[in-house]
């Protein structure tokens, strides 16, 4: 059975929407190393439709010369959760339809290794609620936005910290696993 491992860029108060807020902090190269470690161990990508629609045009024409992550995103099999038809086309993509925990559980059971989730906050929220997420890599930016869609919206979620980093740009990375107690 595969492990589902997600990374989420979020504000200190848990807001995940609109990643443009992260620009002022820059991207520390060590963050890239952390993300590369996640992608290197993954054999599939699971995305929410909104993230997919942003990623497809941004990644599909990139080469390794443009970004070392391009081969992973372009060559890896992708599964997309969302109730609407996909507006963008991207190689090796399978739409899964609306969120269905049993369908995702079957996908997870049919694989070995890891399934990588990038962003896709609403999807990640569902995976956590349904006990399908094995690891959350939270990249917490030192800014509280006060409004916006939060990853942990009005629910208690117990997690255990299994690793952490503080990057030179002020971002804190927490590697978290669900607690089942």
Protein backbone atom coordinates (compact mmCIF):
# COMPACT_ATOMS: atom_id res chain seq x y z
CA UNK A 1 0.00 0.00 0.00
CA UNK A 2 1.27 3.45 -0.92
CA UNK A 3 1.73 6.29 1.51
CA UNK A 4 0.12 9.60 0.67
CA UNK A 5 2.52 12.43 1.45
CA UNK A 6 1.44 16.05 1.01
CA UNK A 7 3.17 19.38 1.23
CA UNK A 8 1.32 22.57 1.92
CA UNK A 9 2.53 26.19 1.86
CA UNK A 10 0.54 28.08 4.48
CA UNK A 11 0.50 31.16 6.64
CA UNK A 12 1.05 31.03 10.39
CA UNK A 13 -2.73 30.99 10.87
CA UNK A 14 -3.16 28.06 8.46
CA UNK A 15 -4.34 29.86 5.30
CA UNK A 16 -3.35 27.89 2.21
CA UNK A 17 -5.08 29.76 -0.60
CA UNK A 18 -3.33 32.28 -2.85
CA UNK A 19 0.33 31.24 -2.81
CA UNK A 20 1.31 34.72 -4.08
CA UNK A 21 1.69 35.77 -0.42
CA UNK A 22 4.86 33.66 -0.26
CA UNK A 23 6.74 35.74 -2.86
CA UNK A 24 8.12 38.29 -0.41
CA UNK A 25 9.97 35.52 1.45
CA UNK A 26 11.69 34.04 -1.57
CA UNK A 27 12.42 30.35 -1.98
CA UNK A 28 15.25 29.03 0.14
CA UNK A 29 17.26 26.37 -1.77
CA UNK A 30 16.96 24.05 1.24
CA UNK A 31 13.18 24.10 0.77
CA UNK A 32 13.80 22.75 -2.73
CA UNK A 33 15.93 19.97 -1.26
CA UNK A 34 13.12 19.02 1.13
CA UNK A 35 10.58 18.97 -1.69
CA UNK A 36 12.95 17.01 -3.94
CA UNK A 37 13.25 14.35 -1.25
CA UNK A 38 9.44 14.02 -1.25
CA UNK A 39 9.17 13.81 -5.02
CA UNK A 40 12.12 11.43 -5.39
CA UNK A 41 10.27 8.81 -3.35
CA UNK A 42 6.96 9.22 -5.21
CA UNK A 43 5.59 7.17 -8.06
CA UNK A 44 2.35 9.11 -8.58
CA UNK A 45 0.90 12.58 -8.06
CA UNK A 46 -2.55 13.30 -6.61
CA UNK A 47 -3.93 16.81 -7.11
CA UNK A 48 -7.11 18.72 -6.54
CA UNK A 49 -8.63 20.18 -9.69
CA UNK A 50 -7.77 23.81 -8.84
CA UNK A 51 -4.10 22.99 -8.26
CA UNK A 52 -4.05 20.83 -11.38
CA UNK A 53 -5.45 23.71 -13.47
CA UNK A 54 -2.63 25.95 -12.18
CA UNK A 55 0.11 23.32 -12.55
CA UNK A 56 -0.69 21.96 -16.02
CA UNK A 57 0.09 25.12 -18.02
CA UNK A 58 2.97 26.02 -15.69
CA UNK A 59 4.77 22.65 -15.88
CA UNK A 60 3.84 20.83 -19.10
CA UNK A 61 6.25 22.73 -21.35
CA UNK A 62 9.11 23.03 -18.84
CA UNK A 63 12.26 21.02 -19.32
CA UNK A 64 14.96 20.01 -16.88
CA UNK A 65 16.92 23.06 -18.13
CA UNK A 66 14.06 25.28 -16.92
CA UNK A 67 13.56 23.52 -13.61
CA UNK A 68 15.06 20.31 -12.19
CA UNK A 69 11.56 19.27 -11.05
CA UNK A 70 10.12 19.30 -14.58
CA UNK A 71 10.75 15.61 -15.39
CA UNK A 72 8.99 14.50 -12.20
CA UNK A 73 5.90 16.62 -12.80
CA UNK A 74 5.68 15.87 -16.53
CA UNK A 75 6.61 12.18 -16.59
CA UNK A 76 4.88 10.95 -13.42
CA UNK A 77 1.33 9.59 -13.55
CA UNK A 78 -1.14 12.15 -12.22
CA UNK A 79 -4.59 11.63 -10.67
CA UNK A 80 -6.96 14.58 -10.29
CA UNK A 81 -9.84 14.90 -7.84
CA UNK A 82 -12.61 17.29 -8.80
CA UNK A 83 -16.21 17.28 -9.89
CA UNK A 84 -15.71 19.48 -12.97
CA UNK A 85 -14.16 18.38 -16.28
CA UNK A 86 -10.51 19.33 -16.65
CA UNK A 87 -9.98 22.44 -18.75
CA UNK A 88 -6.25 21.83 -19.14
CA UNK A 89 -4.60 18.78 -20.70
CA UNK A 90 -1.38 17.34 -19.33
CA UNK A 91 0.30 14.04 -20.17
CA UNK A 92 -0.31 10.97 -18.00
CA UNK A 93 -3.37 12.44 -16.23
CA UNK A 94 -6.38 10.47 -15.02
CA UNK A 95 -9.43 12.36 -13.69
CA UNK A 96 -10.95 10.65 -10.62
CA UNK A 97 -14.14 12.71 -10.45
CA UNK A 98 -15.51 14.28 -7.28
CA UNK A 99 -13.80 13.51 -3.97
CA UNK A 100 -14.55 9.94 -2.95
CA UNK A 101 -12.57 8.52 -0.01
CA UNK A 102 -13.16 4.93 -1.15
CA UNK A 103 -11.83 5.66 -4.64
CA UNK A 104 -8.71 7.26 -3.18
CA UNK A 105 -8.31 4.34 -0.76
CA UNK A 106 -8.40 1.94 -3.73
CA UNK A 107 -5.77 4.04 -5.52
CA UNK A 108 -3.61 3.97 -2.41
CA UNK A 109 -4.09 0.20 -2.04
CA UNK A 110 -3.16 -0.42 -5.69
CA UNK A 111 0.26 1.21 -5.39
CA UNK A 112 3.54 0.80 -3.55
CA UNK A 113 5.85 3.63 -2.60
CA UNK A 114 4.46 7.13 -2.22
CA UNK A 115 1.77 9.27 -3.78
CA UNK A 116 2.71 12.96 -3.70
CA UNK A 117 0.21 15.77 -3.14
CA UNK A 118 1.28 19.35 -3.80
CA UNK A 119 -0.94 22.08 -2.40
CA UNK A 120 -4.55 21.05 -3.04
CA UNK A 121 -5.62 22.21 0.42
CA UNK A 122 -9.27 21.11 0.24
CA UNK A 123 -8.18 17.67 -0.97
CA UNK A 124 -5.61 17.43 1.84
CA UNK A 125 -8.28 18.44 4.36
CA UNK A 126 -10.47 15.57 3.12
CA UNK A 127 -7.57 13.10 3.18
CA UNK A 128 -6.84 14.02 6.79
CA UNK A 129 -10.49 13.75 7.81
CA UNK A 130 -10.81 10.32 6.17
CA UNK A 131 -7.56 8.94 7.61
CA UNK A 132 -5.92 8.68 4.17
CA UNK A 133 -3.02 11.11 4.64
CA UNK A 134 0.17 9.52 5.97
CA UNK A 135 2.44 12.59 6.12
CA UNK A 136 1.91 16.33 5.98
CA UNK A 137 4.86 18.58 5.23
CA UNK A 138 3.72 22.03 6.34
CA UNK A 139 5.83 24.95 5.12
CA UNK A 140 4.70 27.72 7.46
CA UNK A 141 5.40 31.30 6.37
CA UNK A 142 5.90 33.89 9.12
CA UNK A 143 2.78 35.87 8.32
CA UNK A 144 -0.75 35.71 9.75
CA UNK A 145 -3.32 36.67 7.14
CA UNK A 146 -6.41 36.82 9.34
CA UNK A 147 -8.68 35.65 6.54
CA UNK A 148 -8.78 33.05 3.82
CA UNK A 149 -9.35 29.32 3.53
CA UNK A 150 -7.58 27.43 6.30
CA UNK A 151 -6.31 23.88 6.17
CA UNK A 152 -7.71 23.02 9.60
CA UNK A 153 -11.05 24.76 9.32
CA UNK A 154 -12.95 24.39 12.58
CA UNK A 155 -11.85 20.82 13.25
CA UNK A 156 -9.54 19.40 15.84
CA UNK A 157 -6.70 17.51 14.22
CA UNK A 158 -4.01 15.76 16.23
CA UNK A 159 -0.61 15.44 14.61
CA UNK A 160 2.83 14.37 15.75
CA UNK A 161 5.96 16.25 14.67
CA UNK A 162 8.52 13.84 13.21
CA UNK A 163 10.90 16.43 11.78
CA UNK A 164 11.44 20.15 11.47
CA UNK A 165 13.60 22.74 9.76
CA UNK A 166 13.88 26.51 9.88
CA UNK A 167 15.05 28.07 6.63
CA UNK A 168 16.99 31.29 6.21
CA UNK A 169 13.92 33.01 4.71
CA UNK A 170 12.00 32.47 7.97
CA UNK A 171 9.83 29.60 6.74
CA UNK A 172 9.40 26.71 9.17
CA UNK A 173 8.96 23.18 7.84
CA UNK A 174 7.12 20.71 10.03
CA UNK A 175 6.98 17.06 9.01
CA UNK A 176 3.80 15.73 10.62
CA UNK A 177 2.01 12.40 10.86
CA UNK A 178 -1.53 11.88 12.07
CA UNK A 179 -1.98 10.79 15.67
CA UNK A 180 -4.53 8.06 16.18
CA UNK A 181 -5.16 8.32 19.90
